[in-house]
């Protein structure tokens, strides 16, 4: 009899996990008190005040995942959990069904995009989520940073802010620099024009904001942009950075901002 009960409990656990994988609302809210959802991963001490509009958004996003809705605009009052539902929980849930899916998650600012990206990664890396994913959504060691991460099934999630560039935020890609601007690489300082034109196979020095360390990262894409106006940023040591007005630069206390918005006295992150 005891053995039978254990088998029944095991089958019930598997059935509940399958429900969480199939039902977006249940994925967020949980199945019952003993089987919490993604909300409990991010906000373990905050009760979820679920409202009808949350259920409606979850229903429509499920339709998006099924391919029945191809364009969706969600417009609700601030602090209505829109960002968590759409930008955090939804990509995580889709990866349970389609771990190979790719996402570009954009927010109005880079700090917000990074914050939402961090929360997505909290969910994905949690023990709770990994049990649900059955080992198909383990984040790759060679591409696991705040601005983007991929899983072992080929899926990738990019996080970008509208104040930056879709093709290069946080040092992952090198863009918006004049061709003669030298870049620190694993083979020394090389003009970015040479790197792009010759498609040099080099690693680039990037800064990991979570560890506070410089890391070498491979180039994922080579891109040459049309000529645009270049501005010069003179630093305290006399060095000059040339870039376009909208190139993202990390400033202490402000995060990533447009190069054109840097003010005298700002502390710019340099190697």
C-alpha atoms as a PDB file:
ATOM      1  CA  UNK A   1       0.000   0.000   0.000  1.00  0.00           C
ATOM      2  CA  UNK A   2       2.851   2.372   0.875  1.00  0.00           C
ATOM      3  CA  UNK A   3       4.572   1.661  -2.432  1.00  0.00           C
ATOM      4  CA  UNK A   4       1.332   2.373  -4.269  1.00  0.00           C
ATOM      5  CA  UNK A   5       1.006   5.737  -2.507  1.00  0.00           C
ATOM      6  CA  UNK A   6       4.544   6.702  -3.480  1.00  0.00           C
ATOM      7  CA  UNK A   7       3.822   5.906  -7.110  1.00  0.00           C
ATOM      8  CA  UNK A   8       0.623   7.908  -6.994  1.00  0.00           C
ATOM      9  CA  UNK A   9       2.428  10.877  -5.455  1.00  0.00           C
ATOM     10  CA  UNK A  10       5.163  10.674  -8.084  1.00  0.00           C
ATOM     11  CA  UNK A  11       2.603  10.603 -10.901  1.00  0.00           C
ATOM     12  CA  UNK A  12       0.772  13.548  -9.327  1.00  0.00           C
ATOM     13  CA  UNK A  13       3.990  15.560  -9.133  1.00  0.00           C
ATOM     14  CA  UNK A  14       4.702  14.899 -12.799  1.00  0.00           C
ATOM     15  CA  UNK A  15       1.145  15.863 -13.730  1.00  0.00           C
ATOM     16  CA  UNK A  16       1.372  19.156 -11.810  1.00  0.00           C
ATOM     17  CA  UNK A  17       4.668  20.026 -13.454  1.00  0.00           C
ATOM     18  CA  UNK A  18       3.090  19.395 -16.848  1.00  0.00           C
ATOM     19  CA  UNK A  19       0.211  21.719 -15.935  1.00  0.00           C
ATOM     20  CA  UNK A  20       2.706  24.462 -15.007  1.00  0.00           C
ATOM     21  CA  UNK A  21       4.439  23.960 -18.361  1.00  0.00           C
ATOM     22  CA  UNK A  22       1.176  24.161 -20.311  1.00  0.00           C
ATOM     23  CA  UNK A  23      -0.781  26.800 -18.367  1.00  0.00           C
ATOM     24  CA  UNK A  24       0.830  30.271 -18.333  1.00  0.00           C
ATOM     25  CA  UNK A  25      -1.346  31.543 -15.492  1.00  0.00           C
ATOM     26  CA  UNK A  26      -0.557  28.506 -13.358  1.00  0.00           C
ATOM     27  CA  UNK A  27       3.123  28.933 -14.235  1.00  0.00           C
ATOM     28  CA  UNK A  28       2.998  32.386 -12.643  1.00  0.00           C
ATOM     29  CA  UNK A  29       0.623  31.783  -9.738  1.00  0.00           C
ATOM     30  CA  UNK A  30       1.417  28.167  -8.972  1.00  0.00           C
ATOM     31  CA  UNK A  31      -0.838  25.133  -8.695  1.00  0.00           C
ATOM     32  CA  UNK A  32      -1.482  25.243  -4.959  1.00  0.00           C
ATOM     33  CA  UNK A  33       0.291  26.189  -1.730  1.00  0.00           C
ATOM     34  CA  UNK A  34       2.669  23.246  -2.022  1.00  0.00           C
ATOM     35  CA  UNK A  35       3.422  23.922  -5.681  1.00  0.00           C
ATOM     36  CA  UNK A  36       4.267  27.621  -6.087  1.00  0.00           C
ATOM     37  CA  UNK A  37       4.828  29.416  -9.370  1.00  0.00           C
ATOM     38  CA  UNK A  38       7.349  31.830 -10.844  1.00  0.00           C
ATOM     39  CA  UNK A  39       5.997  34.680  -8.738  1.00  0.00           C
ATOM     40  CA  UNK A  40       7.197  32.923  -5.589  1.00  0.00           C
ATOM     41  CA  UNK A  41      10.680  32.648  -7.085  1.00  0.00           C
ATOM     42  CA  UNK A  42      10.961  36.425  -7.526  1.00  0.00           C
ATOM     43  CA  UNK A  43       8.766  37.592  -4.645  1.00  0.00           C
ATOM     44  CA  UNK A  44       8.768  34.843  -1.997  1.00  0.00           C
ATOM     45  CA  UNK A  45       7.594  37.228   0.734  1.00  0.00           C
ATOM     46  CA  UNK A  46       5.034  39.212  -1.267  1.00  0.00           C
ATOM     47  CA  UNK A  47       1.481  37.900  -1.792  1.00  0.00           C
ATOM     48  CA  UNK A  48       0.310  38.051  -5.419  1.00  0.00           C
ATOM     49  CA  UNK A  49      -2.872  40.100  -5.735  1.00  0.00           C
ATOM     50  CA  UNK A  50      -4.138  38.486  -8.949  1.00  0.00           C
ATOM     51  CA  UNK A  51      -6.718  40.503 -10.873  1.00  0.00           C
ATOM     52  CA  UNK A  52      -8.889  39.848 -13.913  1.00  0.00           C
ATOM     53  CA  UNK A  53      -6.590  41.884 -16.175  1.00  0.00           C
ATOM     54  CA  UNK A  54      -3.663  39.642 -15.236  1.00  0.00           C
ATOM     55  CA  UNK A  55      -5.663  36.591 -16.294  1.00  0.00           C
ATOM     56  CA  UNK A  56      -6.653  38.303 -19.548  1.00  0.00           C
ATOM     57  CA  UNK A  57      -3.065  39.268 -20.413  1.00  0.00           C
ATOM     58  CA  UNK A  58      -1.957  35.706 -19.619  1.00  0.00           C
ATOM     59  CA  UNK A  59      -4.658  34.364 -21.938  1.00  0.00           C
ATOM     60  CA  UNK A  60      -3.649  36.641 -24.822  1.00  0.00           C
ATOM     61  CA  UNK A  61       0.061  35.874 -24.345  1.00  0.00           C
ATOM     62  CA  UNK A  62      -0.781  32.177 -24.488  1.00  0.00           C
ATOM     63  CA  UNK A  63      -2.399  32.908 -27.849  1.00  0.00           C
ATOM     64  CA  UNK A  64       0.856  34.589 -28.926  1.00  0.00           C
ATOM     65  CA  UNK A  65       2.839  31.485 -27.932  1.00  0.00           C
ATOM     66  CA  UNK A  66       0.466  29.321 -29.956  1.00  0.00           C
ATOM     67  CA  UNK A  67       0.954  31.509 -33.024  1.00  0.00           C
ATOM     68  CA  UNK A  68      -2.682  32.669 -33.145  1.00  0.00           C
ATOM     69  CA  UNK A  69      -1.804  36.295 -32.306  1.00  0.00           C
ATOM     70  CA  UNK A  70       1.184  37.777 -34.110  1.00  0.00           C
ATOM     71  CA  UNK A  71       0.992  41.403 -32.990  1.00  0.00           C
ATOM     72  CA  UNK A  72       0.052  42.512 -29.488  1.00  0.00           C
ATOM     73  CA  UNK A  73       0.105  45.879 -27.721  1.00  0.00           C
ATOM     74  CA  UNK A  74      -0.442  45.765 -23.955  1.00  0.00           C
ATOM     75  CA  UNK A  75      -1.428  49.151 -22.547  1.00  0.00           C
ATOM     76  CA  UNK A  76      -2.316  49.234 -18.838  1.00  0.00           C
ATOM     77  CA  UNK A  77      -1.742  51.508 -15.858  1.00  0.00           C
ATOM     78  CA  UNK A  78       1.776  51.657 -14.360  1.00  0.00           C
ATOM     79  CA  UNK A  79       2.507  49.170 -11.570  1.00  0.00           C
ATOM     80  CA  UNK A  80       0.058  46.661 -13.044  1.00  0.00           C
ATOM     81  CA  UNK A  81       2.678  43.887 -13.446  1.00  0.00           C
ATOM     82  CA  UNK A  82       2.806  44.383 -17.213  1.00  0.00           C
ATOM     83  CA  UNK A  83       6.608  44.213 -17.373  1.00  0.00           C
ATOM     84  CA  UNK A  84       6.794  41.104 -15.210  1.00  0.00           C
ATOM     85  CA  UNK A  85       4.052  39.326 -17.150  1.00  0.00           C
ATOM     86  CA  UNK A  86       5.239  40.236 -20.646  1.00  0.00           C
ATOM     87  CA  UNK A  87       9.008  40.690 -20.353  1.00  0.00           C
ATOM     88  CA  UNK A  88       9.944  38.338 -17.511  1.00  0.00           C
ATOM     89  CA  UNK A  89       7.498  35.468 -17.046  1.00  0.00           C
ATOM     90  CA  UNK A  90       6.419  35.039 -20.671  1.00  0.00           C
ATOM     91  CA  UNK A  91       9.864  34.330 -22.222  1.00  0.00           C
ATOM     92  CA  UNK A  92      10.665  31.969 -19.346  1.00  0.00           C
ATOM     93  CA  UNK A  93       7.408  30.076 -19.860  1.00  0.00           C
ATOM     94  CA  UNK A  94       7.820  29.891 -23.653  1.00  0.00           C
ATOM     95  CA  UNK A  95      11.256  28.353 -23.179  1.00  0.00           C
ATOM     96  CA  UNK A  96       9.589  25.455 -21.336  1.00  0.00           C
ATOM     97  CA  UNK A  97       7.548  24.773 -24.480  1.00  0.00           C
ATOM     98  CA  UNK A  98      10.012  25.962 -27.127  1.00  0.00           C
ATOM     99  CA  UNK A  99      13.493  26.064 -25.577  1.00  0.00           C
ATOM    100  CA  UNK A 100      14.963  26.991 -28.976  1.00  0.00           C
ATOM    101  CA  UNK A 101      12.972  30.262 -29.172  1.00  0.00           C
ATOM    102  CA  UNK A 102      14.781  33.612 -29.449  1.00  0.00           C
ATOM    103  CA  UNK A 103      13.658  36.859 -27.804  1.00  0.00           C
ATOM    104  CA  UNK A 104      14.626  40.512 -28.117  1.00  0.00           C
ATOM    105  CA  UNK A 105      13.280  42.134 -24.938  1.00  0.00           C
ATOM    106  CA  UNK A 106      13.400  45.916 -25.216  1.00  0.00           C
ATOM    107  CA  UNK A 107      12.644  48.516 -22.550  1.00  0.00           C
ATOM    108  CA  UNK A 108      12.634  52.298 -22.617  1.00  0.00           C
ATOM    109  CA  UNK A 109      15.978  52.448 -20.789  1.00  0.00           C
ATOM    110  CA  UNK A 110      19.002  50.223 -20.424  1.00  0.00           C
ATOM    111  CA  UNK A 111      18.839  50.063 -16.593  1.00  0.00           C
ATOM    112  CA  UNK A 112      15.243  48.806 -16.787  1.00  0.00           C
ATOM    113  CA  UNK A 113      16.133  46.316 -19.538  1.00  0.00           C
ATOM    114  CA  UNK A 114      18.974  44.988 -17.392  1.00  0.00           C
ATOM    115  CA  UNK A 115      16.769  44.779 -14.305  1.00  0.00           C
ATOM    116  CA  UNK A 116      14.133  42.742 -16.146  1.00  0.00           C
ATOM    117  CA  UNK A 117      16.855  40.584 -17.669  1.00  0.00           C
ATOM    118  CA  UNK A 118      18.244  39.881 -14.204  1.00  0.00           C
ATOM    119  CA  UNK A 119      14.799  38.811 -13.006  1.00  0.00           C
ATOM    120  CA  UNK A 120      14.364  36.490 -16.002  1.00  0.00           C
ATOM    121  CA  UNK A 121      17.674  34.908 -15.197  1.00  0.00           C
ATOM    122  CA  UNK A 122      16.657  34.530 -11.544  1.00  0.00           C
ATOM    123  CA  UNK A 123      13.673  32.499 -12.657  1.00  0.00           C
ATOM    124  CA  UNK A 124      15.568  30.430 -15.229  1.00  0.00           C
ATOM    125  CA  UNK A 125      18.431  29.555 -12.905  1.00  0.00           C
ATOM    126  CA  UNK A 126      16.164  28.650  -9.991  1.00  0.00           C
ATOM    127  CA  UNK A 127      15.935  25.011  -8.915  1.00  0.00           C
ATOM    128  CA  UNK A 128      12.153  25.226  -9.381  1.00  0.00           C
ATOM    129  CA  UNK A 129      12.471  26.216 -13.044  1.00  0.00           C
ATOM    130  CA  UNK A 130      15.181  23.707 -13.835  1.00  0.00           C
ATOM    131  CA  UNK A 131      12.932  20.896 -12.605  1.00  0.00           C
ATOM    132  CA  UNK A 132      10.210  22.123 -14.942  1.00  0.00           C
ATOM    133  CA  UNK A 133      12.558  22.474 -17.933  1.00  0.00           C
ATOM    134  CA  UNK A 134      13.819  18.897 -17.596  1.00  0.00           C
ATOM    135  CA  UNK A 135      17.366  20.007 -18.343  1.00  0.00           C
ATOM    136  CA  UNK A 136      16.561  21.730 -21.651  1.00  0.00           C
ATOM    137  CA  UNK A 137      17.076  25.329 -20.466  1.00  0.00           C
ATOM    138  CA  UNK A 138      20.469  25.315 -18.792  1.00  0.00           C
ATOM    139  CA  UNK A 139      22.176  28.657 -19.476  1.00  0.00           C
ATOM    140  CA  UNK A 140      25.389  28.398 -21.475  1.00  0.00           C
ATOM    141  CA  UNK A 141      28.587  29.337 -19.669  1.00  0.00           C
ATOM    142  CA  UNK A 142      30.032  31.109 -22.717  1.00  0.00           C
ATOM    143  CA  UNK A 143      26.976  33.335 -23.185  1.00  0.00           C
ATOM    144  CA  UNK A 144      25.512  34.215 -19.829  1.00  0.00           C
ATOM    145  CA  UNK A 145      25.542  37.911 -19.073  1.00  0.00           C
ATOM    146  CA  UNK A 146      22.971  40.506 -18.090  1.00  0.00           C
ATOM    147  CA  UNK A 147      22.404  41.713 -21.675  1.00  0.00           C
ATOM    148  CA  UNK A 148      21.975  38.281 -23.234  1.00  0.00           C
ATOM    149  CA  UNK A 149      22.051  34.595 -22.485  1.00  0.00           C
ATOM    150  CA  UNK A 150      21.467  31.381 -24.377  1.00  0.00           C
ATOM    151  CA  UNK A 151      20.465  27.905 -23.302  1.00  0.00           C
ATOM    152  CA  UNK A 152      21.658  24.434 -24.192  1.00  0.00           C
ATOM    153  CA  UNK A 153      18.761  23.996 -26.659  1.00  0.00           C
ATOM    154  CA  UNK A 154      19.722  26.899 -28.914  1.00  0.00           C
ATOM    155  CA  UNK A 155      17.406  29.551 -27.461  1.00  0.00           C
ATOM    156  CA  UNK A 156      18.671  33.065 -26.779  1.00  0.00           C
ATOM    157  CA  UNK A 157      17.297  36.124 -25.003  1.00  0.00           C
ATOM    158  CA  UNK A 158      18.625  39.624 -25.713  1.00  0.00           C
ATOM    159  CA  UNK A 159      17.945  42.593 -23.412  1.00  0.00           C
ATOM    160  CA  UNK A 160      18.225  46.087 -24.881  1.00  0.00           C
ATOM    161  CA  UNK A 161      17.189  49.604 -23.907  1.00  0.00           C
ATOM    162  CA  UNK A 162      15.892  52.181 -26.369  1.00  0.00           C
ATOM    163  CA  UNK A 163      18.545  54.586 -25.047  1.00  0.00           C
ATOM    164  CA  UNK A 164      21.223  52.277 -26.386  1.00  0.00           C
ATOM    165  CA  UNK A 165      21.630  50.222 -29.536  1.00  0.00           C
ATOM    166  CA  UNK A 166      19.839  47.050 -30.527  1.00  0.00           C
ATOM    167  CA  UNK A 167      23.110  45.610 -31.783  1.00  0.00           C
ATOM    168  CA  UNK A 168      25.428  46.504 -28.947  1.00  0.00           C
ATOM    169  CA  UNK A 169      24.690  47.284 -25.318  1.00  0.00           C
ATOM    170  CA  UNK A 170      27.091  46.625 -22.485  1.00  0.00           C
ATOM    171  CA  UNK A 171      30.083  45.731 -24.635  1.00  0.00           C
ATOM    172  CA  UNK A 172      28.689  42.528 -26.117  1.00  0.00           C
ATOM    173  CA  UNK A 173      28.914  43.892 -29.664  1.00  0.00           C
ATOM    174  CA  UNK A 174      31.219  46.597 -30.932  1.00  0.00           C
ATOM    175  CA  UNK A 175      29.337  49.197 -32.969  1.00  0.00           C
ATOM    176  CA  UNK A 176      28.939  52.937 -33.428  1.00  0.00           C
ATOM    177  CA  UNK A 177      32.677  53.612 -33.411  1.00  0.00           C
ATOM    178  CA  UNK A 178      34.791  55.196 -36.182  1.00  0.00           C
ATOM    179  CA  UNK A 179      36.904  52.738 -38.152  1.00  0.00           C
ATOM    180  CA  UNK A 180      40.190  54.050 -36.744  1.00  0.00           C
ATOM    181  CA  UNK A 181      39.098  53.727 -33.094  1.00  0.00           C
ATOM    182  CA  UNK A 182      41.342  51.108 -31.458  1.00  0.00           C
ATOM    183  CA  UNK A 183      39.745  48.248 -29.542  1.00  0.00           C
ATOM    184  CA  UNK A 184      41.471  46.204 -26.845  1.00  0.00           C
ATOM    185  CA  UNK A 185      41.566  42.612 -28.075  1.00  0.00           C
ATOM    186  CA  UNK A 186      43.320  39.358 -27.235  1.00  0.00           C
ATOM    187  CA  UNK A 187      45.872  40.339 -29.911  1.00  0.00           C
ATOM    188  CA  UNK A 188      46.459  43.858 -28.632  1.00  0.00           C
ATOM    189  CA  UNK A 189      44.816  47.142 -29.641  1.00  0.00           C
ATOM    190  CA  UNK A 190      43.426  46.940 -33.177  1.00  0.00           C
ATOM    191  CA  UNK A 191      41.408  49.540 -35.146  1.00  0.00           C
ATOM    192  CA  UNK A 192      37.788  48.419 -35.233  1.00  0.00           C
ATOM    193  CA  UNK A 193      37.741  48.988 -39.017  1.00  0.00           C
ATOM    194  CA  UNK A 194      40.390  46.294 -39.456  1.00  0.00           C
ATOM    195  CA  UNK A 195      38.459  43.933 -37.195  1.00  0.00           C
ATOM    196  CA  UNK A 196      35.256  44.364 -39.210  1.00  0.00           C
ATOM    197  CA  UNK A 197      36.720  44.470 -42.726  1.00  0.00           C
ATOM    198  CA  UNK A 198      39.029  41.492 -42.173  1.00  0.00           C
ATOM    199  CA  UNK A 199      36.597  39.706 -39.854  1.00  0.00           C
ATOM    200  CA  UNK A 200      39.427  39.050 -37.440  1.00  0.00           C
ATOM    201  CA  UNK A 201      38.891  36.122 -35.109  1.00  0.00           C
ATOM    202  CA  UNK A 202      39.780  37.881 -31.847  1.00  0.00           C
ATOM    203  CA  UNK A 203      38.306  38.148 -28.374  1.00  0.00           C
ATOM    204  CA  UNK A 204      37.372  41.595 -27.090  1.00  0.00           C
ATOM    205  CA  UNK A 205      37.874  43.016 -23.606  1.00  0.00           C
ATOM    206  CA  UNK A 206      34.474  43.576 -21.935  1.00  0.00           C
ATOM    207  CA  UNK A 207      33.434  44.505 -18.418  1.00  0.00           C
ATOM    208  CA  UNK A 208      31.245  42.214 -16.310  1.00  0.00           C
ATOM    209  CA  UNK A 209      29.238  44.488 -14.010  1.00  0.00           C
ATOM    210  CA  UNK A 210      28.226  41.634 -11.751  1.00  0.00           C
ATOM    211  CA  UNK A 211      31.757  40.442 -10.951  1.00  0.00           C
ATOM    212  CA  UNK A 212      33.485  43.798 -11.416  1.00  0.00           C
ATOM    213  CA  UNK A 213      36.082  42.182 -13.667  1.00  0.00           C
ATOM    214  CA  UNK A 214      37.289  42.538 -17.251  1.00  0.00           C
ATOM    215  CA  UNK A 215      36.492  39.484 -19.374  1.00  0.00           C
ATOM    216  CA  UNK A 216      37.443  38.357 -22.884  1.00  0.00           C
ATOM    217  CA  UNK A 217      34.421  37.712 -25.083  1.00  0.00           C
ATOM    218  CA  UNK A 218      34.180  36.501 -28.700  1.00  0.00           C
ATOM    219  CA  UNK A 219      32.766  38.734 -31.440  1.00  0.00           C
ATOM    220  CA  UNK A 220      29.297  37.530 -32.380  1.00  0.00           C
ATOM    221  CA  UNK A 221      28.662  39.757 -35.395  1.00  0.00           C
ATOM    222  CA  UNK A 222      30.556  42.083 -37.731  1.00  0.00           C
ATOM    223  CA  UNK A 223      28.668  45.165 -38.896  1.00  0.00           C
ATOM    224  CA  UNK A 224      29.604  48.334 -40.768  1.00  0.00           C
ATOM    225  CA  UNK A 225      27.262  51.289 -40.297  1.00  0.00           C
ATOM    226  CA  UNK A 226      26.730  54.256 -42.653  1.00  0.00           C
ATOM    227  CA  UNK A 227      28.821  57.326 -41.856  1.00  0.00           C
ATOM    228  CA  UNK A 228      27.414  59.497 -39.082  1.00  0.00           C
ATOM    229  CA  UNK A 229      28.536  62.473 -37.041  1.00  0.00           C
ATOM    230  CA  UNK A 230      31.285  61.589 -34.546  1.00  0.00           C
ATOM    231  CA  UNK A 231      31.740  63.257 -31.167  1.00  0.00           C
ATOM    232  CA  UNK A 232      34.861  63.333 -29.006  1.00  0.00           C
ATOM    233  CA  UNK A 233      34.903  62.613 -25.270  1.00  0.00           C
ATOM    234  CA  UNK A 234      38.052  63.842 -23.550  1.00  0.00           C
ATOM    235  CA  UNK A 235      38.904  62.055 -20.321  1.00  0.00           C
ATOM    236  CA  UNK A 236      40.860  63.300 -17.333  1.00  0.00           C
ATOM    237  CA  UNK A 237      44.052  61.503 -18.388  1.00  0.00           C
ATOM    238  CA  UNK A 238      43.974  63.225 -21.779  1.00  0.00           C
ATOM    239  CA  UNK A 239      42.748  60.211 -23.736  1.00  0.00           C
ATOM    240  CA  UNK A 240      39.917  60.740 -26.204  1.00  0.00           C
ATOM    241  CA  UNK A 241      37.065  58.411 -27.095  1.00  0.00           C
ATOM    242  CA  UNK A 242      35.470  58.997 -30.498  1.00  0.00           C
ATOM    243  CA  UNK A 243      32.015  57.560 -31.113  1.00  0.00           C
ATOM    244  CA  UNK A 244      28.547  58.412 -32.365  1.00  0.00           C
ATOM    245  CA  UNK A 245      26.211  60.476 -30.229  1.00  0.00           C
ATOM    246  CA  UNK A 246      24.027  57.470 -29.329  1.00  0.00           C
ATOM    247  CA  UNK A 247      26.819  55.034 -28.481  1.00  0.00           C
ATOM    248  CA  UNK A 248      26.172  53.592 -24.985  1.00  0.00           C
ATOM    249  CA  UNK A 249      28.840  54.492 -22.411  1.00  0.00           C
ATOM    250  CA  UNK A 250      28.810  53.352 -18.777  1.00  0.00           C
ATOM    251  CA  UNK A 251      28.866  56.267 -16.312  1.00  0.00           C
ATOM    252  CA  UNK A 252      29.180  55.822 -12.574  1.00  0.00           C
ATOM    253  CA  UNK A 253      25.843  56.429 -10.855  1.00  0.00           C
ATOM    254  CA  UNK A 254      23.942  56.571 -14.146  1.00  0.00           C
ATOM    255  CA  UNK A 255      24.611  53.220 -15.813  1.00  0.00           C
ATOM    256  CA  UNK A 256      24.663  53.100 -19.608  1.00  0.00           C
ATOM    257  CA  UNK A 257      23.767  56.434 -21.196  1.00  0.00           C
ATOM    258  CA  UNK A 258      24.187  57.949 -24.657  1.00  0.00           C
ATOM    259  CA  UNK A 259      27.650  59.354 -25.246  1.00  0.00           C
ATOM    260  CA  UNK A 260      26.052  62.669 -26.171  1.00  0.00           C
ATOM    261  CA  UNK A 261      24.442  62.891 -22.714  1.00  0.00           C
ATOM    262  CA  UNK A 262      27.731  62.690 -20.800  1.00  0.00           C
ATOM    263  CA  UNK A 263      28.377  65.812 -18.710  1.00  0.00           C
ATOM    264  CA  UNK A 264      31.633  67.322 -17.407  1.00  0.00           C
ATOM    265  CA  UNK A 265      32.553  65.591 -14.169  1.00  0.00           C
ATOM    266  CA  UNK A 266      30.938  62.256 -15.049  1.00  0.00           C
ATOM    267  CA  UNK A 267      33.109  59.232 -14.220  1.00  0.00           C
ATOM    268  CA  UNK A 268      33.342  56.990 -17.294  1.00  0.00           C
ATOM    269  CA  UNK A 269      34.237  53.317 -16.989  1.00  0.00           C
ATOM    270  CA  UNK A 270      37.555  52.554 -18.714  1.00  0.00           C
ATOM    271  CA  UNK A 271      39.924  49.606 -18.714  1.00  0.00           C
END
